[in-house]
Amino acid sequence: MLPRQRIVGIDVCRSVAIIAAMSSHAFVASGAFEHNHSDAMIWFRFFTQLSPPIFIGLFGSMLYIAYRPKFASGQTLAGVQQLLSRAAQCYILYVICIAARVFEGSFSI
């Protein structure tokens, strides 16, 4: 079996989406969107607001690309186990983040 090559376009798009999402968070936290209503800032905000759905779509596509070979080769149980393991890992990390915010006092249950 040939080693899988990375799809550079997906990596670049994912990186841009992450940077745009982090920029959006920084601008919201600093209040920059509230105080600046120029056309450039409106377009920047529009672009950064698109990044989370793009990232989620890319995440789903990458899961398909990563796990399709297992399902195609008949290793359905192993593929499902890996997907459930990844889902549990993501959920546990999410709960840890929420718990940290609750304990810090900036987020209510």
PDB file of N, CA and C in Angstrom:
ATOM      1  N   MET A   1       0.837  -1.174   0.000  1.00  0.00           N
ATOM      2  CA  MET A   1       0.000   0.000   0.000  1.00  0.00           C
ATOM      3  C   MET A   1       0.884   1.241   0.000  1.00  0.00           C
ATOM      4  N   LEU A   2       0.539   2.206  -0.837  1.00  0.00           N
ATOM      5  CA  LEU A   2       1.294   3.442  -0.915  1.00  0.00           C
ATOM      6  C   LEU A   2       0.998   4.323   0.291  1.00  0.00           C
ATOM      7  N   PRO A   3       2.016   5.025   0.785  1.00  0.00           N
ATOM      8  CA  PRO A   3       1.746   5.938   1.901  1.00  0.00           C
ATOM      9  C   PRO A   3       0.854   7.086   1.429  1.00  0.00           C
ATOM     10  N   ARG A   4      -0.063   7.482   2.288  1.00  0.00           N
ATOM     11  CA  ARG A   4      -0.964   8.581   1.930  1.00  0.00           C
ATOM     12  C   ARG A   4      -0.208   9.899   1.980  1.00  0.00           C
ATOM     13  N   GLN A   5      -0.468  10.722   1.000  1.00  0.00           N
ATOM     14  CA  GLN A   5       0.145  12.041   0.970  1.00  0.00           C
ATOM     15  C   GLN A   5      -0.847  13.055   1.522  1.00  0.00           C
ATOM     16  N   ARG A   6      -0.313  14.070   2.150  1.00  0.00           N
ATOM     17  CA  ARG A   6      -1.169  15.124   2.691  1.00  0.00           C
ATOM     18  C   ARG A   6      -1.711  15.975   1.550  1.00  0.00           C
ATOM     19  N   ILE A   7      -2.902  16.464   1.735  1.00  0.00           N
ATOM     20  CA  ILE A   7      -3.495  17.378   0.769  1.00  0.00           C
ATOM     21  C   ILE A   7      -3.202  18.789   1.280  1.00  0.00           C
ATOM     22  N   VAL A   8      -2.249  19.435   0.641  1.00  0.00           N
ATOM     23  CA  VAL A   8      -1.740  20.713   1.121  1.00  0.00           C
ATOM     24  C   VAL A   8      -2.844  21.772   1.158  1.00  0.00           C
ATOM     25  N   GLY A   9      -3.729  21.775   0.179  1.00  0.00           N
ATOM     26  CA  GLY A   9      -4.799  22.765   0.145  1.00  0.00           C
ATOM     27  C   GLY A   9      -5.688  22.704   1.371  1.00  0.00           C
ATOM     28  N   ILE A  10      -5.970  21.494   1.848  1.00  0.00           N
ATOM     29  CA  ILE A  10      -6.794  21.341   3.051  1.00  0.00           C
ATOM     30  C   ILE A  10      -6.032  21.865   4.266  1.00  0.00           C
ATOM     31  N   ASP A  11      -4.744  21.561   4.340  1.00  0.00           N
ATOM     32  CA  ASP A  11      -3.938  22.056   5.460  1.00  0.00           C
ATOM     33  C   ASP A  11      -3.879  23.579   5.481  1.00  0.00           C
ATOM     34  N   VAL A  12      -3.705  24.187   4.319  1.00  0.00           N
ATOM     35  CA  VAL A  12      -3.632  25.650   4.232  1.00  0.00           C
ATOM     36  C   VAL A  12      -4.976  26.263   4.605  1.00  0.00           C
ATOM     37  N   CYS A  13      -6.064  25.727   4.062  1.00  0.00           N
ATOM     38  CA  CYS A  13      -7.394  26.249   4.358  1.00  0.00           C
ATOM     39  C   CYS A  13      -7.712  26.101   5.845  1.00  0.00           C
ATOM     40  N   ARG A  14      -7.348  24.982   6.426  1.00  0.00           N
ATOM     41  CA  ARG A  14      -7.574  24.776   7.863  1.00  0.00           C
ATOM     42  C   ARG A  14      -6.777  25.791   8.682  1.00  0.00           C
ATOM     43  N   SER A  15      -5.534  26.028   8.304  1.00  0.00           N
ATOM     44  CA  SER A  15      -4.700  26.991   9.026  1.00  0.00           C
ATOM     45  C   SER A  15      -5.268  28.396   8.936  1.00  0.00           C
ATOM     46  N   VAL A  16      -5.716  28.793   7.748  1.00  0.00           N
ATOM     47  CA  VAL A  16      -6.307  30.120   7.579  1.00  0.00           C
ATOM     48  C   VAL A  16      -7.590  30.233   8.401  1.00  0.00           C
ATOM     49  N   ALA A  17      -8.409  29.185   8.413  1.00  0.00           N
ATOM     50  CA  ALA A  17      -9.654  29.212   9.195  1.00  0.00           C
ATOM     51  C   ALA A  17      -9.355  29.337  10.687  1.00  0.00           C
ATOM     52  N   ILE A  18      -8.347  28.642  11.173  1.00  0.00           N
ATOM     53  CA  ILE A  18      -7.986  28.724  12.595  1.00  0.00           C
ATOM     54  C   ILE A  18      -7.487  30.123  12.933  1.00  0.00           C
ATOM     55  N   ILE A  19      -6.618  30.674  12.095  1.00  0.00           N
ATOM     56  CA  ILE A  19      -6.092  32.023  12.338  1.00  0.00           C
ATOM     57  C   ILE A  19      -7.228  33.048  12.312  1.00  0.00           C
ATOM     58  N   ALA A  20      -8.152  32.916  11.355  1.00  0.00           N
ATOM     59  CA  ALA A  20      -9.276  33.848  11.270  1.00  0.00           C
ATOM     60  C   ALA A  20     -10.180  33.723  12.495  1.00  0.00           C
ATOM     61  N   ALA A  21     -10.443  32.501  12.958  1.00  0.00           N
ATOM     62  CA  ALA A  21     -11.280  32.311  14.141  1.00  0.00           C
ATOM     63  C   ALA A  21     -10.620  32.907  15.384  1.00  0.00           C
ATOM     64  N   MET A  22      -9.327  32.698  15.535  1.00  0.00           N
ATOM     65  CA  MET A  22      -8.615  33.266  16.681  1.00  0.00           C
ATOM     66  C   MET A  22      -8.580  34.786  16.599  1.00  0.00           C
ATOM     67  N   SER A  23      -8.441  35.324  15.389  1.00  0.00           N
ATOM     68  CA  SER A  23      -8.477  36.779  15.211  1.00  0.00           C
ATOM     69  C   SER A  23      -9.837  37.330  15.607  1.00  0.00           C
ATOM     70  N   SER A  24     -10.896  36.633  15.211  1.00  0.00           N
ATOM     71  CA  SER A  24     -12.242  37.053  15.575  1.00  0.00           C
ATOM     72  C   SER A  24     -12.413  37.085  17.086  1.00  0.00           C
ATOM     73  N   HIS A  25     -11.938  36.046  17.766  1.00  0.00           N
ATOM     74  CA  HIS A  25     -12.032  36.007  19.228  1.00  0.00           C
ATOM     75  C   HIS A  25     -11.265  37.179  19.840  1.00  0.00           C
ATOM     76  N   ALA A  26     -10.074  37.461  19.323  1.00  0.00           N
ATOM     77  CA  ALA A  26      -9.259  38.556  19.858  1.00  0.00           C
ATOM     78  C   ALA A  26      -9.937  39.901  19.636  1.00  0.00           C
ATOM     79  N   PHE A  27     -10.518  40.102  18.448  1.00  0.00           N
ATOM     80  CA  PHE A  27     -11.179  41.370  18.161  1.00  0.00           C
ATOM     81  C   PHE A  27     -12.448  41.538  18.992  1.00  0.00           C
ATOM     82  N   VAL A  28     -13.195  40.468  19.219  1.00  0.00           N
ATOM     83  CA  VAL A  28     -14.393  40.555  20.057  1.00  0.00           C
ATOM     84  C   VAL A  28     -13.986  40.846  21.501  1.00  0.00           C
ATOM     85  N   ALA A  29     -12.981  40.142  21.999  1.00  0.00           N
ATOM     86  CA  ALA A  29     -12.545  40.331  23.387  1.00  0.00           C
ATOM     87  C   ALA A  29     -12.005  41.742  23.620  1.00  0.00           C
ATOM     88  N   SER A  30     -11.363  42.317  22.623  1.00  0.00           N
ATOM     89  CA  SER A  30     -10.801  43.659  22.785  1.00  0.00           C
ATOM     90  C   SER A  30     -11.827  44.757  22.522  1.00  0.00           C
ATOM     91  N   GLY A  31     -12.981  44.395  21.962  1.00  0.00           N
ATOM     92  CA  GLY A  31     -14.001  45.379  21.656  1.00  0.00           C
ATOM     93  C   GLY A  31     -13.771  46.117  20.352  1.00  0.00           C
ATOM     94  N   ALA A  32     -12.847  45.654  19.547  1.00  0.00           N
ATOM     95  CA  ALA A  32     -12.504  46.343  18.297  1.00  0.00           C
ATOM     96  C   ALA A  32     -13.669  46.360  17.313  1.00  0.00           C
ATOM     97  N   PHE A  33     -14.487  45.334  17.296  1.00  0.00           N
ATOM     98  CA  PHE A  33     -15.629  45.314  16.376  1.00  0.00           C
ATOM     99  C   PHE A  33     -16.690  46.331  16.789  1.00  0.00           C
ATOM    100  N   GLU A  34     -16.793  46.605  18.071  1.00  0.00           N
ATOM    101  CA  GLU A  34     -17.813  47.533  18.559  1.00  0.00           C
ATOM    102  C   GLU A  34     -17.469  48.989  18.268  1.00  0.00           C
ATOM    103  N   HIS A  35     -16.187  49.301  18.261  1.00  0.00           N
ATOM    104  CA  HIS A  35     -15.758  50.694  18.145  1.00  0.00           C
ATOM    105  C   HIS A  35     -15.385  51.113  16.730  1.00  0.00           C
ATOM    106  N   ASN A  36     -15.270  50.170  15.838  1.00  0.00           N
ATOM    107  CA  ASN A  36     -14.835  50.494  14.483  1.00  0.00           C
ATOM    108  C   ASN A  36     -15.851  49.913  13.499  1.00  0.00           C
ATOM    109  N   HIS A  37     -16.562  50.787  12.805  1.00  0.00           N
ATOM    110  CA  HIS A  37     -17.589  50.341  11.868  1.00  0.00           C
ATOM    111  C   HIS A  37     -17.216  50.683  10.422  1.00  0.00           C
ATOM    112  N   SER A  38     -15.943  50.725  10.141  1.00  0.00           N
ATOM    113  CA  SER A  38     -15.514  51.020   8.777  1.00  0.00           C
ATOM    114  C   SER A  38     -15.846  49.844   7.863  1.00  0.00           C
ATOM    115  N   ASP A  39     -15.870  50.110   6.565  1.00  0.00           N
ATOM    116  CA  ASP A  39     -16.161  49.046   5.600  1.00  0.00           C
ATOM    117  C   ASP A  39     -15.151  47.915   5.698  1.00  0.00           C
ATOM    118  N   ALA A  40     -13.881  48.267   5.885  1.00  0.00           N
ATOM    119  CA  ALA A  40     -12.843  47.237   5.988  1.00  0.00           C
ATOM    120  C   ALA A  40     -13.092  46.337   7.196  1.00  0.00           C
ATOM    121  N   MET A  41     -13.484  46.930   8.323  1.00  0.00           N
ATOM    122  CA  MET A  41     -13.729  46.137   9.532  1.00  0.00           C
ATOM    123  C   MET A  41     -14.966  45.264   9.354  1.00  0.00           C
ATOM    124  N   ILE A  42     -15.986  45.769   8.655  1.00  0.00           N
ATOM    125  CA  ILE A  42     -17.186  44.960   8.405  1.00  0.00           C
ATOM    126  C   ILE A  42     -16.836  43.743   7.565  1.00  0.00           C
ATOM    127  N   TRP A  43     -16.023  43.938   6.531  1.00  0.00           N
ATOM    128  CA  TRP A  43     -15.611  42.802   5.693  1.00  0.00           C
ATOM    129  C   TRP A  43     -14.706  41.851   6.467  1.00  0.00           C
ATOM    130  N   PHE A  44     -13.830  42.392   7.308  1.00  0.00           N
ATOM    131  CA  PHE A  44     -12.954  41.540   8.127  1.00  0.00           C
ATOM    132  C   PHE A  44     -13.797  40.695   9.075  1.00  0.00           C
ATOM    133  N   ARG A  45     -14.786  41.319   9.692  1.00  0.00           N
ATOM    134  CA  ARG A  45     -15.651  40.569  10.615  1.00  0.00           C
ATOM    135  C   ARG A  45     -16.437  39.490   9.865  1.00  0.00           C
ATOM    136  N   PHE A  46     -16.950  39.829   8.672  1.00  0.00           N
ATOM    137  CA  PHE A  46     -17.666  38.850   7.858  1.00  0.00           C
ATOM    138  C   PHE A  46     -16.765  37.652   7.551  1.00  0.00           C
ATOM    139  N   PHE A  47     -15.524  37.914   7.152  1.00  0.00           N
ATOM    140  CA  PHE A  47     -14.573  36.848   6.840  1.00  0.00           C
ATOM    141  C   PHE A  47     -14.271  35.990   8.067  1.00  0.00           C
ATOM    142  N   THR A  48     -14.036  36.654   9.203  1.00  0.00           N
ATOM    143  CA  THR A  48     -13.692  35.884  10.399  1.00  0.00           C
ATOM    144  C   THR A  48     -14.887  35.103  10.933  1.00  0.00           C
ATOM    145  N   GLN A  49     -16.104  35.607  10.707  1.00  0.00           N
ATOM    146  CA  GLN A  49     -17.294  34.886  11.159  1.00  0.00           C
ATOM    147  C   GLN A  49     -17.556  33.645  10.311  1.00  0.00           C
ATOM    148  N   LEU A  50     -17.043  33.610   9.093  1.00  0.00           N
ATOM    149  CA  LEU A  50     -17.186  32.431   8.237  1.00  0.00           C
ATOM    150  C   LEU A  50     -16.225  31.302   8.614  1.00  0.00           C
ATOM    151  N   SER A  51     -15.167  31.629   9.328  1.00  0.00           N
ATOM    152  CA  SER A  51     -14.128  30.635   9.578  1.00  0.00           C
ATOM    153  C   SER A  51     -14.578  29.442  10.431  1.00  0.00           C
ATOM    154  N   PRO A  52     -15.384  29.589  11.493  1.00  0.00           N
ATOM    155  CA  PRO A  52     -15.788  28.386  12.237  1.00  0.00           C
ATOM    156  C   PRO A  52     -16.564  27.367  11.401  1.00  0.00           C
ATOM    157  N   PRO A  53     -17.574  27.773  10.594  1.00  0.00           N
ATOM    158  CA  PRO A  53     -18.246  26.762   9.774  1.00  0.00           C
ATOM    159  C   PRO A  53     -17.306  26.116   8.747  1.00  0.00           C
ATOM    160  N   ILE A  54     -16.381  26.907   8.213  1.00  0.00           N
ATOM    161  CA  ILE A  54     -15.413  26.345   7.266  1.00  0.00           C
ATOM    162  C   ILE A  54     -14.544  25.311   7.974  1.00  0.00           C
ATOM    163  N   PHE A  55     -14.082  25.647   9.184  1.00  0.00           N
ATOM    164  CA  PHE A  55     -13.241  24.718   9.935  1.00  0.00           C
ATOM    165  C   PHE A  55     -14.001  23.439  10.262  1.00  0.00           C
ATOM    166  N   ILE A  56     -15.259  23.559  10.663  1.00  0.00           N
ATOM    167  CA  ILE A  56     -16.064  22.371  10.987  1.00  0.00           C
ATOM    168  C   ILE A  56     -16.263  21.509   9.748  1.00  0.00           C
ATOM    169  N   GLY A  57     -16.535  22.139   8.612  1.00  0.00           N
ATOM    170  CA  GLY A  57     -16.662  21.383   7.357  1.00  0.00           C
ATOM    171  C   GLY A  57     -15.374  20.674   6.981  1.00  0.00           C
ATOM    172  N   LEU A  58     -14.257  21.363   7.155  1.00  0.00           N
ATOM    173  CA  LEU A  58     -12.964  20.740   6.863  1.00  0.00           C
ATOM    174  C   LEU A  58     -12.690  19.586   7.819  1.00  0.00           C
ATOM    175  N   PHE A  59     -13.069  19.749   9.079  1.00  0.00           N
ATOM    176  CA  PHE A  59     -12.858  18.687  10.064  1.00  0.00           C
ATOM    177  C   PHE A  59     -13.606  17.429   9.641  1.00  0.00           C
ATOM    178  N   GLY A  60     -14.861  17.593   9.226  1.00  0.00           N
ATOM    179  CA  GLY A  60     -15.633  16.445   8.752  1.00  0.00           C
ATOM    180  C   GLY A  60     -15.015  15.814   7.518  1.00  0.00           C
ATOM    181  N   SER A  61     -14.547  16.642   6.600  1.00  0.00           N
ATOM    182  CA  SER A  61     -13.902  16.116   5.390  1.00  0.00           C
ATOM    183  C   SER A  61     -12.628  15.354   5.729  1.00  0.00           C
ATOM    184  N   MET A  62     -11.861  15.892   6.674  1.00  0.00           N
ATOM    185  CA  MET A  62     -10.613  15.228   7.058  1.00  0.00           C
ATOM    186  C   MET A  62     -10.888  13.899   7.758  1.00  0.00           C
ATOM    187  N   LEU A  63     -11.962  13.845   8.546  1.00  0.00           N
ATOM    188  CA  LEU A  63     -12.325  12.568   9.162  1.00  0.00           C
ATOM    189  C   LEU A  63     -12.645  11.532   8.091  1.00  0.00           C
ATOM    190  N   TYR A  64     -13.385  11.957   7.077  1.00  0.00           N
ATOM    191  CA  TYR A  64     -13.724  11.045   5.980  1.00  0.00           C
ATOM    192  C   TYR A  64     -12.457  10.564   5.286  1.00  0.00           C
ATOM    193  N   ILE A  65     -11.563  11.476   4.971  1.00  0.00           N
ATOM    194  CA  ILE A  65     -10.322  11.106   4.282  1.00  0.00           C
ATOM    195  C   ILE A  65      -9.481  10.167   5.149  1.00  0.00           C
ATOM    196  N   ALA A  66      -9.433  10.434   6.457  1.00  0.00           N
ATOM    197  CA  ALA A  66      -8.592   9.634   7.346  1.00  0.00           C
ATOM    198  C   ALA A  66      -9.149   8.238   7.610  1.00  0.00           C
ATOM    199  N   TYR A  67     -10.476   8.122   7.737  1.00  0.00           N
ATOM    200  CA  TYR A  67     -11.058   6.855   8.160  1.00  0.00           C
ATOM    201  C   TYR A  67     -11.690   6.039   7.038  1.00  0.00           C
ATOM    202  N   ARG A  68     -11.871   6.606   5.867  1.00  0.00           N
ATOM    203  CA  ARG A  68     -12.475   5.879   4.752  1.00  0.00           C
ATOM    204  C   ARG A  68     -11.720   4.607   4.396  1.00  0.00           C
ATOM    205  N   PRO A  69     -10.384   4.616   4.382  1.00  0.00           N
ATOM    206  CA  PRO A  69      -9.680   3.376   4.044  1.00  0.00           C
ATOM    207  C   PRO A  69     -10.027   2.195   4.964  1.00  0.00           C
ATOM    208  N   LYS A  70     -10.236   2.471   6.258  1.00  0.00           N
ATOM    209  CA  LYS A  70     -10.607   1.389   7.185  1.00  0.00           C
ATOM    210  C   LYS A  70     -11.951   0.784   6.796  1.00  0.00           C
ATOM    211  N   PHE A  71     -12.922   1.649   6.504  1.00  0.00           N
ATOM    212  CA  PHE A  71     -14.251   1.162   6.144  1.00  0.00           C
ATOM    213  C   PHE A  71     -14.216   0.473   4.782  1.00  0.00           C
ATOM    214  N   ALA A  72     -13.437   1.001   3.842  1.00  0.00           N
ATOM    215  CA  ALA A  72     -13.365   0.424   2.501  1.00  0.00           C
ATOM    216  C   ALA A  72     -12.710  -0.954   2.513  1.00  0.00           C
ATOM    217  N   SER A  73     -11.784  -1.167   3.456  1.00  0.00           N
ATOM    218  CA  SER A  73     -11.092  -2.458   3.519  1.00  0.00           C
ATOM    219  C   SER A  73     -11.834  -3.474   4.385  1.00  0.00           C
ATOM    220  N   GLY A  74     -13.019  -3.117   4.852  1.00  0.00           N
ATOM    221  CA  GLY A  74     -13.817  -4.068   5.626  1.00  0.00           C
ATOM    222  C   GLY A  74     -13.557  -4.043   7.117  1.00  0.00           C
ATOM    223  N   GLN A  75     -12.756  -3.101   7.594  1.00  0.00           N
ATOM    224  CA  GLN A  75     -12.458  -2.997   9.027  1.00  0.00           C
ATOM    225  C   GLN A  75     -13.426  -2.011   9.689  1.00  0.00           C
ATOM    226  N   THR A  76     -14.705  -2.280   9.496  1.00  0.00           N
ATOM    227  CA  THR A  76     -15.734  -1.356   9.968  1.00  0.00           C
ATOM    228  C   THR A  76     -15.692  -1.189  11.483  1.00  0.00           C
ATOM    229  N   LEU A  77     -15.559  -2.273  12.215  1.00  0.00           N
ATOM    230  CA  LEU A  77     -15.551  -2.196  13.673  1.00  0.00           C
ATOM    231  C   LEU A  77     -14.372  -1.361  14.166  1.00  0.00           C
ATOM    232  N   ALA A  78     -13.204  -1.577  13.587  1.00  0.00           N
ATOM    233  CA  ALA A  78     -12.021  -0.803  13.984  1.00  0.00           C
ATOM    234  C   ALA A  78     -12.218   0.673  13.662  1.00  0.00           C
ATOM    235  N   GLY A  79     -12.818   0.980  12.526  1.00  0.00           N
ATOM    236  CA  GLY A  79     -13.079   2.369  12.158  1.00  0.00           C
ATOM    237  C   GLY A  79     -14.052   3.038  13.105  1.00  0.00           C
ATOM    238  N   VAL A  80     -15.124   2.324  13.452  1.00  0.00           N
ATOM    239  CA  VAL A  80     -16.112   2.867  14.382  1.00  0.00           C
ATOM    240  C   VAL A  80     -15.480   3.080  15.752  1.00  0.00           C
ATOM    241  N   GLN A  81     -14.656   2.135  16.201  1.00  0.00           N
ATOM    242  CA  GLN A  81     -13.997   2.272  17.497  1.00  0.00           C
ATOM    243  C   GLN A  81     -13.085   3.496  17.522  1.00  0.00           C
ATOM    244  N   GLN A  82     -12.351   3.717  16.434  1.00  0.00           N
ATOM    245  CA  GLN A  82     -11.469   4.884  16.379  1.00  0.00           C
ATOM    246  C   GLN A  82     -12.278   6.181  16.371  1.00  0.00           C
ATOM    247  N   LEU A  83     -13.378   6.213  15.624  1.00  0.00           N
ATOM    248  CA  LEU A  83     -14.211   7.412  15.592  1.00  0.00           C
ATOM    249  C   LEU A  83     -14.837   7.685  16.958  1.00  0.00           C
ATOM    250  N   LEU A  84     -15.321   6.642  17.632  1.00  0.00           N
ATOM    251  CA  LEU A  84     -15.892   6.829  18.970  1.00  0.00           C
ATOM    252  C   LEU A  84     -14.830   7.274  19.972  1.00  0.00           C
ATOM    253  N   SER A  85     -13.633   6.723  19.836  1.00  0.00           N
ATOM    254  CA  SER A  85     -12.535   7.135  20.704  1.00  0.00           C
ATOM    255  C   SER A  85     -12.201   8.610  20.483  1.00  0.00           C
ATOM    256  N   ARG A  86     -12.165   9.042  19.231  1.00  0.00           N
ATOM    257  CA  ARG A  86     -11.886  10.451  18.917  1.00  0.00           C
ATOM    258  C   ARG A  86     -13.008  11.340  19.450  1.00  0.00           C
ATOM    259  N   ALA A  87     -14.263  10.906  19.310  1.00  0.00           N
ATOM    260  CA  ALA A  87     -15.397  11.684  19.807  1.00  0.00           C
ATOM    261  C   ALA A  87     -15.327  11.816  21.327  1.00  0.00           C
ATOM    262  N   ALA A  88     -15.006  10.724  22.011  1.00  0.00           N
ATOM    263  CA  ALA A  88     -14.894  10.760  23.472  1.00  0.00           C
ATOM    264  C   ALA A  88     -13.766  11.690  23.901  1.00  0.00           C
ATOM    265  N   GLN A  89     -12.647  11.640  23.200  1.00  0.00           N
ATOM    266  CA  GLN A  89     -11.514  12.510  23.509  1.00  0.00           C
ATOM    267  C   GLN A  89     -11.924  13.984  23.351  1.00  0.00           C
ATOM    268  N   CYS A  90     -12.601  14.321  22.269  1.00  0.00           N
ATOM    269  CA  CYS A  90     -13.044  15.700  22.048  1.00  0.00           C
ATOM    270  C   CYS A  90     -14.030  16.128  23.129  1.00  0.00           C
ATOM    271  N   TYR A  91     -14.957  15.252  23.495  1.00  0.00           N
ATOM    272  CA  TYR A  91     -15.948  15.602  24.496  1.00  0.00           C
ATOM    273  C   TYR A  91     -15.304  15.793  25.871  1.00  0.00           C
ATOM    274  N   ILE A  92     -14.370  14.932  26.221  1.00  0.00           N
ATOM    275  CA  ILE A  92     -13.690  15.060  27.514  1.00  0.00           C
ATOM    276  C   ILE A  92     -12.926  16.378  27.579  1.00  0.00           C
ATOM    277  N   LEU A  93     -12.243  16.737  26.507  1.00  0.00           N
ATOM    278  CA  LEU A  93     -11.520  18.016  26.486  1.00  0.00           C
ATOM    279  C   LEU A  93     -12.491  19.195  26.570  1.00  0.00           C
ATOM    280  N   TYR A  94     -13.634  19.071  25.931  1.00  0.00           N
ATOM    281  CA  TYR A  94     -14.668  20.109  26.018  1.00  0.00           C
ATOM    282  C   TYR A  94     -15.151  20.262  27.457  1.00  0.00           C
ATOM    283  N   VAL A  95     -15.433  19.149  28.127  1.00  0.00           N
ATOM    284  CA  VAL A  95     -15.902  19.191  29.513  1.00  0.00           C
ATOM    285  C   VAL A  95     -14.837  19.809  30.415  1.00  0.00           C
ATOM    286  N   ILE A  96     -13.577  19.499  30.180  1.00  0.00           N
ATOM    287  CA  ILE A  96     -12.497  20.090  30.979  1.00  0.00           C
ATOM    288  C   ILE A  96     -12.470  21.608  30.796  1.00  0.00           C
ATOM    289  N   CYS A  97     -12.623  22.063  29.563  1.00  0.00           N
ATOM    290  CA  CYS A  97     -12.641  23.509  29.298  1.00  0.00           C
ATOM    291  C   CYS A  97     -13.813  24.185  29.978  1.00  0.00           C
ATOM    292  N   ILE A  98     -14.995  23.580  29.893  1.00  0.00           N
ATOM    293  CA  ILE A  98     -16.180  24.152  30.536  1.00  0.00           C
ATOM    294  C   ILE A  98     -16.006  24.144  32.059  1.00  0.00           C
ATOM    295  N   ALA A  99     -15.481  23.051  32.608  1.00  0.00           N
ATOM    296  CA  ALA A  99     -15.269  22.969  34.055  1.00  0.00           C
ATOM    297  C   ALA A  99     -14.298  24.053  34.524  1.00  0.00           C
ATOM    298  N   ALA A 100     -13.260  24.306  33.756  1.00  0.00           N
ATOM    299  CA  ALA A 100     -12.306  25.348  34.119  1.00  0.00           C
ATOM    300  C   ALA A 100     -12.984  26.712  34.166  1.00  0.00           C
ATOM    301  N   ARG A 101     -13.862  26.981  33.216  1.00  0.00           N
ATOM    302  CA  ARG A 101     -14.578  28.269  33.200  1.00  0.00           C
ATOM    303  C   ARG A 101     -15.560  28.360  34.357  1.00  0.00           C
ATOM    304  N   VAL A 102     -16.212  27.237  34.710  1.00  0.00           N
ATOM    305  CA  VAL A 102     -17.146  27.246  35.838  1.00  0.00           C
ATOM    306  C   VAL A 102     -16.384  27.509  37.134  1.00  0.00           C
ATOM    307  N   PHE A 103     -15.251  26.817  37.329  1.00  0.00           N
ATOM    308  CA  PHE A 103     -14.467  26.999  38.551  1.00  0.00           C
ATOM    309  C   PHE A 103     -13.850  28.389  38.627  1.00  0.00           C
ATOM    310  N   GLU A 104     -13.542  28.957  37.490  1.00  0.00           N
ATOM    311  CA  GLU A 104     -12.962  30.295  37.455  1.00  0.00           C
ATOM    312  C   GLU A 104     -14.012  31.354  37.780  1.00  0.00           C
ATOM    313  N   GLY A 105     -15.275  30.998  37.535  1.00  0.00           N
ATOM    314  CA  GLY A 105     -16.359  31.896  37.893  1.00  0.00           C
ATOM    315  C   GLY A 105     -16.915  32.725  36.746  1.00  0.00           C
ATOM    316  N   SER A 106     -16.405  32.547  35.544  1.00  0.00           N
ATOM    317  CA  SER A 106     -16.877  33.360  34.427  1.00  0.00           C
ATOM    318  C   SER A 106     -17.958  32.643  33.601  1.00  0.00           C
ATOM    319  N   PHE A 107     -18.418  31.494  34.093  1.00  0.00           N
ATOM    320  CA  PHE A 107     -19.373  30.691  33.335  1.00  0.00           C
ATOM    321  C   PHE A 107     -20.235  29.935  34.324  1.00  0.00           C
ATOM    322  N   SER A 108     -21.531  29.933  34.152  1.00  0.00           N
ATOM    323  CA  SER A 108     -22.392  29.221  35.085  1.00  0.00           C
ATOM    324  C   SER A 108     -22.801  27.871  34.509  1.00  0.00           C
ATOM    325  N   ILE A 109     -23.156  26.953  35.374  1.00  0.00           N
ATOM    326  CA  ILE A 109     -23.593  25.639  34.908  1.00  0.00           C
ATOM    327  C   ILE A 109     -24.919  25.782  34.231  1.00  0.00           C
TER     328      ILE A 109
END
